Amino acid sequence: MVIGFIGGGNMAEAIIKGIRSQGSGFGREIFVSEPGEDRRQYLEKTYTIKTTASNKQIVTSCDIIILAVKPQTMDTVIEEISDVVTGDKTIVSIAAGITLTYLASRLKTKKLVRVMPNTPALVQKGMSVMSLCECFSDRDIKVVREIFMAVGEVLTLPEKYMNAVTAVSGSGPAFIAFFIEATIEGGIKAGLNKDDAFTLAVQTAVGTAQLIDSGVSPSKLREMVTSPGGTTAAGLRAFEEKGFKDTVSFAIEAAKNRADELGQGRG
């Protein structure tokens, strides 16, 4: 089975890296279309894969085609490949806002999957959410799931949730990184040097995430750290006074609304 990527950017590379880390098997043959010659050479050398500048060649040569392009360029790509997509091809879109209905209206295959991965896939700690039509056999969807399990966890949800997923896990790494940036800056203002503030903030974020992942709920962890009248209580009170929770909710809503906009006219 040949896995093809249309687009050889960061997310495509993350998935390729994850597949290669799993050894032989379903990911033995990988083919990528990418307009940049330097990028093609880099991908070939780094991951021992084949590349081309032709999107159509990917479709005709591969069994599973992952559309790893920006939503704004999806119309152009779909128009280019539509006449060579046949019913035996599995098409996987990882572009925000691109609906299954949109893909079904333009491609001659019912084997369509919409996936929202996120950037931690670069270190195989990603969160990918899949939506798909009911026409898939267990065997076919198993391979698609394995591709994304190579870069982290996979969840399957109805498509109606995908724009919310985009806002929470797709955009979430940037929101969390923004908070860590602010924590580092706060540490520097409090007297720490930049390197020490960075180490403290990043390791605290990593350790906290792992502790929550181990089964300690976020609210329980907050209670564990917060002593009445202590330093943590003072900091949390400052968050509340500045409307921290509302700000985060507004950010999630704004990201979801933008995903809705990107999908307008596409389904």
C-alpha atoms as a PDB file:
ATOM      1  CA  MET A   1       0.000   0.000   0.000  1.00  0.00           C
ATOM      2  CA  VAL A   2       1.398   3.371  -1.043  1.00  0.00           C
ATOM      3  CA  ILE A   3       0.718   6.441   1.092  1.00  0.00           C
ATOM      4  CA  GLY A   4       0.815   9.758  -0.731  1.00  0.00           C
ATOM      5  CA  PHE A   5       0.974  13.316   0.533  1.00  0.00           C
ATOM      6  CA  ILE A   6      -0.056  16.367  -1.429  1.00  0.00           C
ATOM      7  CA  GLY A   7       1.982  19.033   0.322  1.00  0.00           C
ATOM      8  CA  GLY A   8       5.316  18.452   2.031  1.00  0.00           C
ATOM      9  CA  GLY A   9       5.124  20.974   4.889  1.00  0.00           C
ATOM     10  CA  ASN A  10       5.643  20.572   8.629  1.00  0.00           C
ATOM     11  CA  MET A  11       2.580  18.451   9.350  1.00  0.00           C
ATOM     12  CA  ALA A  12       3.228  16.119   6.419  1.00  0.00           C
ATOM     13  CA  GLU A  13       6.812  15.739   7.624  1.00  0.00           C
ATOM     14  CA  ALA A  14       5.655  14.999  11.169  1.00  0.00           C
ATOM     15  CA  ILE A  15       3.393  12.198   9.922  1.00  0.00           C
ATOM     16  CA  ILE A  16       6.108  10.798   7.652  1.00  0.00           C
ATOM     17  CA  LYS A  17       8.574  10.842  10.546  1.00  0.00           C
ATOM     18  CA  GLY A  18       6.059   8.992  12.726  1.00  0.00           C
ATOM     19  CA  ILE A  19       5.402   6.367  10.060  1.00  0.00           C
ATOM     20  CA  ARG A  20       9.114   5.809   9.524  1.00  0.00           C
ATOM     21  CA  SER A  21       9.651   5.422  13.272  1.00  0.00           C
ATOM     22  CA  GLN A  22       7.240   2.471  13.233  1.00  0.00           C
ATOM     23  CA  GLY A  23       9.546   0.507  10.917  1.00  0.00           C
ATOM     24  CA  SER A  24       8.372  -1.537   7.947  1.00  0.00           C
ATOM     25  CA  GLY A  25       4.795  -2.425   7.175  1.00  0.00           C
ATOM     26  CA  PHE A  26       2.011  -0.119   6.093  1.00  0.00           C
ATOM     27  CA  GLY A  27       4.368   2.848   5.697  1.00  0.00           C
ATOM     28  CA  ARG A  28       6.987   1.150   3.555  1.00  0.00           C
ATOM     29  CA  GLU A  29       6.160   3.220   0.448  1.00  0.00           C
ATOM     30  CA  ILE A  30       5.641   6.962   0.797  1.00  0.00           C
ATOM     31  CA  PHE A  31       5.295   9.435  -2.071  1.00  0.00           C
ATOM     32  CA  VAL A  32       5.086  13.225  -1.629  1.00  0.00           C
ATOM     33  CA  SER A  33       4.243  16.041  -4.028  1.00  0.00           C
ATOM     34  CA  GLU A  34       5.876  19.344  -3.141  1.00  0.00           C
ATOM     35  CA  PRO A  35       6.502  22.386  -5.372  1.00  0.00           C
ATOM     36  CA  GLY A  36       9.821  23.371  -3.786  1.00  0.00           C
ATOM     37  CA  GLU A  37      12.820  21.502  -5.183  1.00  0.00           C
ATOM     38  CA  ASP A  38      14.965  22.076  -2.082  1.00  0.00           C
ATOM     39  CA  ARG A  39      12.174  20.767   0.122  1.00  0.00           C
ATOM     40  CA  ARG A  40      11.752  17.692  -2.083  1.00  0.00           C
ATOM     41  CA  GLN A  41      15.455  16.921  -1.836  1.00  0.00           C
ATOM     42  CA  TYR A  42      15.395  17.340   1.932  1.00  0.00           C
ATOM     43  CA  LEU A  43      12.435  14.969   2.352  1.00  0.00           C
ATOM     44  CA  GLU A  44      13.970  12.360   0.038  1.00  0.00           C
ATOM     45  CA  LYS A  45      17.308  12.404   1.830  1.00  0.00           C
ATOM     46  CA  THR A  46      15.925  12.516   5.369  1.00  0.00           C
ATOM     47  CA  TYR A  47      13.161   9.913   5.099  1.00  0.00           C
ATOM     48  CA  THR A  48      14.132   7.793   2.074  1.00  0.00           C
ATOM     49  CA  ILE A  49      10.915   8.529   0.207  1.00  0.00           C
ATOM     50  CA  LYS A  50       9.954   9.443  -3.341  1.00  0.00           C
ATOM     51  CA  THR A  51       8.875  12.971  -4.254  1.00  0.00           C
ATOM     52  CA  THR A  52       7.434  14.753  -7.251  1.00  0.00           C
ATOM     53  CA  ALA A  53       6.179  18.187  -8.235  1.00  0.00           C
ATOM     54  CA  SER A  54       2.990  16.646  -9.670  1.00  0.00           C
ATOM     55  CA  ASN A  55      -0.139  16.347  -7.518  1.00  0.00           C
ATOM     56  CA  LYS A  56      -1.798  14.178 -10.145  1.00  0.00           C
ATOM     57  CA  GLN A  57       1.061  11.712 -10.022  1.00  0.00           C
ATOM     58  CA  ILE A  58       0.463  11.252  -6.292  1.00  0.00           C
ATOM     59  CA  VAL A  59      -3.189  10.395  -6.887  1.00  0.00           C
ATOM     60  CA  THR A  60      -2.524   7.931  -9.701  1.00  0.00           C
ATOM     61  CA  SER A  61       0.348   6.228  -7.851  1.00  0.00           C
ATOM     62  CA  CYS A  62      -1.003   6.004  -4.292  1.00  0.00           C
ATOM     63  CA  ASP A  63      -3.782   4.166  -2.456  1.00  0.00           C
ATOM     64  CA  ILE A  64      -4.210   6.659   0.417  1.00  0.00           C
ATOM     65  CA  ILE A  65      -3.779  10.346  -0.411  1.00  0.00           C
ATOM     66  CA  ILE A  66      -3.376  12.829   2.430  1.00  0.00           C
ATOM     67  CA  LEU A  67      -4.246  16.402   1.458  1.00  0.00           C
ATOM     68  CA  ALA A  68      -1.730  18.314   3.591  1.00  0.00           C
ATOM     69  CA  VAL A  69      -2.357  21.775   2.174  1.00  0.00           C
ATOM     70  CA  LYS A  70      -3.779  24.997   3.594  1.00  0.00           C
ATOM     71  CA  PRO A  71      -7.575  25.472   3.430  1.00  0.00           C
ATOM     72  CA  GLN A  72      -7.102  28.518   1.219  1.00  0.00           C
ATOM     73  CA  THR A  73      -5.443  26.426  -1.505  1.00  0.00           C
ATOM     74  CA  MET A  74      -7.757  23.412  -1.271  1.00  0.00           C
ATOM     75  CA  ASP A  75     -10.046  24.540  -4.105  1.00  0.00           C
ATOM     76  CA  THR A  76      -7.099  24.733  -6.503  1.00  0.00           C
ATOM     77  CA  VAL A  77      -5.732  21.333  -5.485  1.00  0.00           C
ATOM     78  CA  ILE A  78      -9.120  19.610  -5.699  1.00  0.00           C
ATOM     79  CA  GLU A  79      -9.764  21.077  -9.147  1.00  0.00           C
ATOM     80  CA  GLU A  80      -6.372  19.813 -10.295  1.00  0.00           C
ATOM     81  CA  ILE A  81      -6.747  16.221  -9.077  1.00  0.00           C
ATOM     82  CA  SER A  82     -10.497  15.623  -9.393  1.00  0.00           C
ATOM     83  CA  ASP A  83     -10.344  13.954 -12.806  1.00  0.00           C
ATOM     84  CA  VAL A  84      -7.843  11.300 -11.623  1.00  0.00           C
ATOM     85  CA  VAL A  85      -9.456  10.416  -8.283  1.00  0.00           C
ATOM     86  CA  THR A  86     -11.245   7.073  -8.649  1.00  0.00           C
ATOM     87  CA  GLY A  87     -13.537   5.149  -6.331  1.00  0.00           C
ATOM     88  CA  ASP A  88     -10.776   2.937  -4.954  1.00  0.00           C
ATOM     89  CA  LYS A  89      -8.774   5.915  -3.626  1.00  0.00           C
ATOM     90  CA  THR A  90      -8.918   6.949   0.035  1.00  0.00           C
ATOM     91  CA  ILE A  91      -8.682  10.725   0.423  1.00  0.00           C
ATOM     92  CA  VAL A  92      -7.722  12.177   3.802  1.00  0.00           C
ATOM     93  CA  SER A  93      -7.945  15.939   4.390  1.00  0.00           C
ATOM     94  CA  ILE A  94      -6.085  17.533   7.300  1.00  0.00           C
ATOM     95  CA  ALA A  95      -7.106  21.100   6.386  1.00  0.00           C
ATOM     96  CA  ALA A  96      -9.205  23.119   8.838  1.00  0.00           C
ATOM     97  CA  GLY A  97     -12.786  23.799   7.781  1.00  0.00           C
ATOM     98  CA  ILE A  98     -12.828  21.450   4.774  1.00  0.00           C
ATOM     99  CA  THR A  99     -15.942  19.300   5.134  1.00  0.00           C
ATOM    100  CA  LEU A 100     -16.647  15.762   3.985  1.00  0.00           C
ATOM    101  CA  THR A 101     -19.610  17.105   2.023  1.00  0.00           C
ATOM    102  CA  TYR A 102     -17.319  19.464   0.130  1.00  0.00           C
ATOM    103  CA  LEU A 103     -14.912  16.648  -0.723  1.00  0.00           C
ATOM    104  CA  ALA A 104     -17.741  14.281  -1.716  1.00  0.00           C
ATOM    105  CA  SER A 105     -19.234  16.865  -4.072  1.00  0.00           C
ATOM    106  CA  ARG A 106     -15.983  17.205  -6.000  1.00  0.00           C
ATOM    107  CA  LEU A 107     -14.285  13.807  -5.903  1.00  0.00           C
ATOM    108  CA  LYS A 108     -15.376  10.479  -7.376  1.00  0.00           C
ATOM    109  CA  THR A 109     -14.770   8.442  -4.243  1.00  0.00           C
ATOM    110  CA  LYS A 110     -16.796   7.818  -1.111  1.00  0.00           C
ATOM    111  CA  LYS A 111     -13.714   6.842   0.865  1.00  0.00           C
ATOM    112  CA  LEU A 112     -13.212  10.224   2.509  1.00  0.00           C
ATOM    113  CA  VAL A 113     -11.745  11.059   5.897  1.00  0.00           C
ATOM    114  CA  ARG A 114     -11.376  14.388   7.639  1.00  0.00           C
ATOM    115  CA  VAL A 115      -8.638  14.579  10.265  1.00  0.00           C
ATOM    116  CA  MET A 116      -7.515  17.389  12.554  1.00  0.00           C
ATOM    117  CA  PRO A 117      -4.005  16.636  13.835  1.00  0.00           C
ATOM    118  CA  ASN A 118      -1.945  19.094  15.884  1.00  0.00           C
ATOM    119  CA  THR A 119       1.629  20.272  16.058  1.00  0.00           C
ATOM    120  CA  PRO A 120       2.851  18.023  18.901  1.00  0.00           C
ATOM    121  CA  ALA A 121       2.756  15.351  16.177  1.00  0.00           C
ATOM    122  CA  LEU A 122       6.236  16.705  15.404  1.00  0.00           C
ATOM    123  CA  VAL A 123       7.458  14.873  18.538  1.00  0.00           C
ATOM    124  CA  GLN A 124       4.939  12.006  18.218  1.00  0.00           C
ATOM    125  CA  LYS A 125       2.786  13.436  21.010  1.00  0.00           C
ATOM    126  CA  GLY A 126      -0.014  14.653  18.773  1.00  0.00           C
ATOM    127  CA  MET A 127      -3.778  14.539  19.163  1.00  0.00           C
ATOM    128  CA  SER A 128      -5.642  13.673  15.976  1.00  0.00           C
ATOM    129  CA  VAL A 129      -9.424  13.573  15.598  1.00  0.00           C
ATOM    130  CA  MET A 130     -11.009  11.702  12.670  1.00  0.00           C
ATOM    131  CA  SER A 131     -14.425  11.994  11.053  1.00  0.00           C
ATOM    132  CA  LEU A 132     -15.447   9.687   8.227  1.00  0.00           C
ATOM    133  CA  CYS A 133     -18.329   8.418   6.179  1.00  0.00           C
ATOM    134  CA  GLU A 134     -19.978   5.102   7.040  1.00  0.00           C
ATOM    135  CA  CYS A 135     -18.827   3.418   3.839  1.00  0.00           C
ATOM    136  CA  PHE A 136     -15.412   2.381   5.173  1.00  0.00           C
ATOM    137  CA  SER A 137     -14.535  -1.208   5.870  1.00  0.00           C
ATOM    138  CA  ASP A 138     -12.707  -1.871   9.131  1.00  0.00           C
ATOM    139  CA  ARG A 139      -9.630  -2.853   7.141  1.00  0.00           C
ATOM    140  CA  ASP A 140      -9.482   0.410   5.200  1.00  0.00           C
ATOM    141  CA  ILE A 141     -10.007   2.703   8.165  1.00  0.00           C
ATOM    142  CA  LYS A 142      -7.539   0.676  10.262  1.00  0.00           C
ATOM    143  CA  VAL A 143      -4.692   1.790   8.015  1.00  0.00           C
ATOM    144  CA  VAL A 144      -5.704   5.459   8.200  1.00  0.00           C
ATOM    145  CA  ARG A 145      -5.948   5.222  11.980  1.00  0.00           C
ATOM    146  CA  GLU A 146      -2.508   3.589  12.153  1.00  0.00           C
ATOM    147  CA  ILE A 147      -0.999   6.448  10.164  1.00  0.00           C
ATOM    148  CA  PHE A 148      -2.116   9.011  12.741  1.00  0.00           C
ATOM    149  CA  MET A 149      -1.448   6.741  15.728  1.00  0.00           C
ATOM    150  CA  ALA A 150       2.181   6.875  14.588  1.00  0.00           C
ATOM    151  CA  VAL A 151       2.250  10.515  15.741  1.00  0.00           C
ATOM    152  CA  GLY A 152       0.165  10.304  18.935  1.00  0.00           C
ATOM    153  CA  GLU A 153      -3.371   9.629  20.107  1.00  0.00           C
ATOM    154  CA  VAL A 154      -6.410   9.265  17.812  1.00  0.00           C
ATOM    155  CA  LEU A 155     -10.052   9.978  18.576  1.00  0.00           C
ATOM    156  CA  THR A 156     -13.029   9.475  16.233  1.00  0.00           C
ATOM    157  CA  LEU A 157     -15.912  11.970  16.482  1.00  0.00           C
ATOM    158  CA  PRO A 158     -18.892  13.017  14.345  1.00  0.00           C
ATOM    159  CA  GLU A 159     -17.975  15.766  11.903  1.00  0.00           C
ATOM    160  CA  LYS A 160     -20.244  18.330  13.573  1.00  0.00           C
ATOM    161  CA  TYR A 161     -17.620  18.629  16.331  1.00  0.00           C
ATOM    162  CA  MET A 162     -14.628  19.151  14.065  1.00  0.00           C
ATOM    163  CA  ASN A 163     -14.501  22.952  14.157  1.00  0.00           C
ATOM    164  CA  ALA A 164     -14.602  22.858  17.955  1.00  0.00           C
ATOM    165  CA  VAL A 165     -11.834  20.250  17.831  1.00  0.00           C
ATOM    166  CA  THR A 166      -9.856  22.581  15.569  1.00  0.00           C
ATOM    167  CA  ALA A 167     -10.170  25.341  18.159  1.00  0.00           C
ATOM    168  CA  VAL A 168      -9.237  23.191  21.171  1.00  0.00           C
ATOM    169  CA  SER A 169      -6.539  20.798  19.964  1.00  0.00           C
ATOM    170  CA  GLY A 170      -5.618  22.276  16.588  1.00  0.00           C
ATOM    171  CA  SER A 171      -5.076  25.842  17.818  1.00  0.00           C
ATOM    172  CA  GLY A 172      -4.508  24.764  21.427  1.00  0.00           C
ATOM    173  CA  PRO A 173      -0.718  24.293  21.178  1.00  0.00           C
ATOM    174  CA  ALA A 174      -0.368  27.967  20.185  1.00  0.00           C
ATOM    175  CA  PHE A 175      -2.580  29.054  23.090  1.00  0.00           C
ATOM    176  CA  ILE A 176      -0.605  26.953  25.560  1.00  0.00           C
ATOM    177  CA  ALA A 177       2.676  28.197  24.095  1.00  0.00           C
ATOM    178  CA  PHE A 178       1.415  31.767  24.504  1.00  0.00           C
ATOM    179  CA  PHE A 179       0.722  31.096  28.194  1.00  0.00           C
ATOM    180  CA  ILE A 180       4.214  29.610  28.627  1.00  0.00           C
ATOM    181  CA  GLU A 181       5.704  32.669  26.896  1.00  0.00           C
ATOM    182  CA  ALA A 182       3.855  34.907  29.335  1.00  0.00           C
ATOM    183  CA  THR A 183       5.038  32.780  32.274  1.00  0.00           C
ATOM    184  CA  ILE A 184       8.648  33.113  31.112  1.00  0.00           C
ATOM    185  CA  GLU A 185       8.268  36.884  30.746  1.00  0.00           C
ATOM    186  CA  GLY A 186       6.700  37.055  34.197  1.00  0.00           C
ATOM    187  CA  GLY A 187       9.615  35.112  35.655  1.00  0.00           C
ATOM    188  CA  ILE A 188      12.102  37.486  34.048  1.00  0.00           C
ATOM    189  CA  LYS A 189      10.240  40.496  35.441  1.00  0.00           C
ATOM    190  CA  ALA A 190      10.362  38.805  38.857  1.00  0.00           C
ATOM    191  CA  GLY A 191      14.181  38.675  38.655  1.00  0.00           C
ATOM    192  CA  LEU A 192      15.060  35.385  36.951  1.00  0.00           C
ATOM    193  CA  ASN A 193      17.402  35.240  33.982  1.00  0.00           C
ATOM    194  CA  LYS A 194      15.901  34.171  30.641  1.00  0.00           C
ATOM    195  CA  ASP A 195      17.337  30.640  30.573  1.00  0.00           C
ATOM    196  CA  ASP A 196      16.251  29.817  34.109  1.00  0.00           C
ATOM    197  CA  ALA A 197      12.763  31.265  33.537  1.00  0.00           C
ATOM    198  CA  PHE A 198      12.472  29.161  30.356  1.00  0.00           C
ATOM    199  CA  THR A 199      13.528  25.933  32.100  1.00  0.00           C
ATOM    200  CA  LEU A 200      11.191  26.505  35.032  1.00  0.00           C
ATOM    201  CA  ALA A 201       8.180  27.403  32.883  1.00  0.00           C
ATOM    202  CA  VAL A 202       8.582  24.624  30.313  1.00  0.00           C
ATOM    203  CA  GLN A 203       9.319  21.819  32.775  1.00  0.00           C
ATOM    204  CA  THR A 204       6.425  22.947  34.961  1.00  0.00           C
ATOM    205  CA  ALA A 205       4.090  22.804  31.948  1.00  0.00           C
ATOM    206  CA  VAL A 206       5.368  19.366  30.888  1.00  0.00           C
ATOM    207  CA  GLY A 207       5.163  17.932  34.399  1.00  0.00           C
ATOM    208  CA  THR A 208       1.711  19.366  35.008  1.00  0.00           C
ATOM    209  CA  ALA A 209       0.384  17.874  31.760  1.00  0.00           C
ATOM    210  CA  GLN A 210       1.825  14.468  32.640  1.00  0.00           C
ATOM    211  CA  LEU A 211       0.357  14.616  36.143  1.00  0.00           C
ATOM    212  CA  ILE A 212      -3.090  15.431  34.770  1.00  0.00           C
ATOM    213  CA  ASP A 213      -2.693  12.689  32.158  1.00  0.00           C
ATOM    214  CA  SER A 214      -1.937  10.230  34.972  1.00  0.00           C
ATOM    215  CA  GLY A 215      -5.455  10.740  36.332  1.00  0.00           C
ATOM    216  CA  VAL A 216      -5.310  13.828  38.562  1.00  0.00           C
ATOM    217  CA  SER A 217      -8.065  16.169  37.355  1.00  0.00           C
ATOM    218  CA  PRO A 218      -7.121  19.805  36.618  1.00  0.00           C
ATOM    219  CA  SER A 219      -9.376  21.074  39.415  1.00  0.00           C
ATOM    220  CA  LYS A 220      -7.916  18.550  41.898  1.00  0.00           C
ATOM    221  CA  LEU A 221      -4.370  19.531  40.955  1.00  0.00           C
ATOM    222  CA  ARG A 222      -5.214  23.201  41.395  1.00  0.00           C
ATOM    223  CA  GLU A 223      -6.587  22.440  44.864  1.00  0.00           C
ATOM    224  CA  MET A 224      -3.480  20.412  45.747  1.00  0.00           C
ATOM    225  CA  VAL A 225      -1.192  23.348  44.932  1.00  0.00           C
ATOM    226  CA  THR A 226      -3.339  26.090  46.443  1.00  0.00           C
ATOM    227  CA  SER A 227      -3.003  26.766  50.170  1.00  0.00           C
ATOM    228  CA  PRO A 228      -5.479  29.247  51.700  1.00  0.00           C
ATOM    229  CA  GLY A 229      -3.895  32.684  51.797  1.00  0.00           C
ATOM    230  CA  GLY A 230      -0.739  31.438  50.046  1.00  0.00           C
ATOM    231  CA  THR A 231       1.183  32.481  46.960  1.00  0.00           C
ATOM    232  CA  THR A 232      -0.810  30.329  44.530  1.00  0.00           C
ATOM    233  CA  ALA A 233      -4.089  31.674  45.873  1.00  0.00           C
ATOM    234  CA  ALA A 234      -2.820  35.207  45.296  1.00  0.00           C
ATOM    235  CA  GLY A 235      -1.884  34.390  41.697  1.00  0.00           C
ATOM    236  CA  LEU A 236      -5.187  32.646  40.962  1.00  0.00           C
ATOM    237  CA  ARG A 237      -7.075  35.609  42.382  1.00  0.00           C
ATOM    238  CA  ALA A 238      -5.201  37.858  39.936  1.00  0.00           C
ATOM    239  CA  PHE A 239      -6.265  35.566  37.082  1.00  0.00           C
ATOM    240  CA  GLU A 240      -9.883  35.818  38.201  1.00  0.00           C
ATOM    241  CA  GLU A 241      -9.729  39.598  38.471  1.00  0.00           C
ATOM    242  CA  LYS A 242      -8.406  39.833  34.899  1.00  0.00           C
ATOM    243  CA  GLY A 243     -11.077  37.440  33.564  1.00  0.00           C
ATOM    244  CA  PHE A 244      -8.642  34.694  32.572  1.00  0.00           C
ATOM    245  CA  LYS A 245     -11.266  31.971  32.017  1.00  0.00           C
ATOM    246  CA  ASP A 246     -13.409  34.280  29.914  1.00  0.00           C
ATOM    247  CA  THR A 247     -10.385  35.231  27.801  1.00  0.00           C
ATOM    248  CA  VAL A 248      -9.582  31.582  27.122  1.00  0.00           C
ATOM    249  CA  SER A 249     -13.219  30.863  26.233  1.00  0.00           C
ATOM    250  CA  PHE A 250     -13.272  33.849  23.877  1.00  0.00           C
ATOM    251  CA  ALA A 251     -10.093  32.583  22.198  1.00  0.00           C
ATOM    252  CA  ILE A 252     -11.586  29.105  21.670  1.00  0.00           C
ATOM    253  CA  GLU A 253     -14.778  30.654  20.302  1.00  0.00           C
ATOM    254  CA  ALA A 254     -12.827  32.932  17.943  1.00  0.00           C
ATOM    255  CA  ALA A 255     -10.822  29.986  16.602  1.00  0.00           C
ATOM    256  CA  LYS A 256     -13.976  27.912  16.087  1.00  0.00           C
ATOM    257  CA  ASN A 257     -15.696  30.804  14.314  1.00  0.00           C
ATOM    258  CA  ARG A 258     -12.734  31.135  11.976  1.00  0.00           C
ATOM    259  CA  ALA A 259     -12.913  27.402  11.215  1.00  0.00           C
ATOM    260  CA  ASP A 260     -16.610  27.900  10.421  1.00  0.00           C
ATOM    261  CA  GLU A 261     -15.682  30.743   8.047  1.00  0.00           C
ATOM    262  CA  LEU A 262     -13.043  28.647   6.284  1.00  0.00           C
ATOM    263  CA  GLY A 263     -15.688  26.008   5.627  1.00  0.00           C
ATOM    264  CA  GLN A 264     -18.313  28.402   4.238  1.00  0.00           C
ATOM    265  CA  GLY A 265     -19.230  27.451   0.706  1.00  0.00           C
ATOM    266  CA  ARG A 266     -17.519  24.097   1.183  1.00  0.00           C
ATOM    267  CA  GLY A 267     -20.311  21.838   2.289  1.00  0.00           C
END
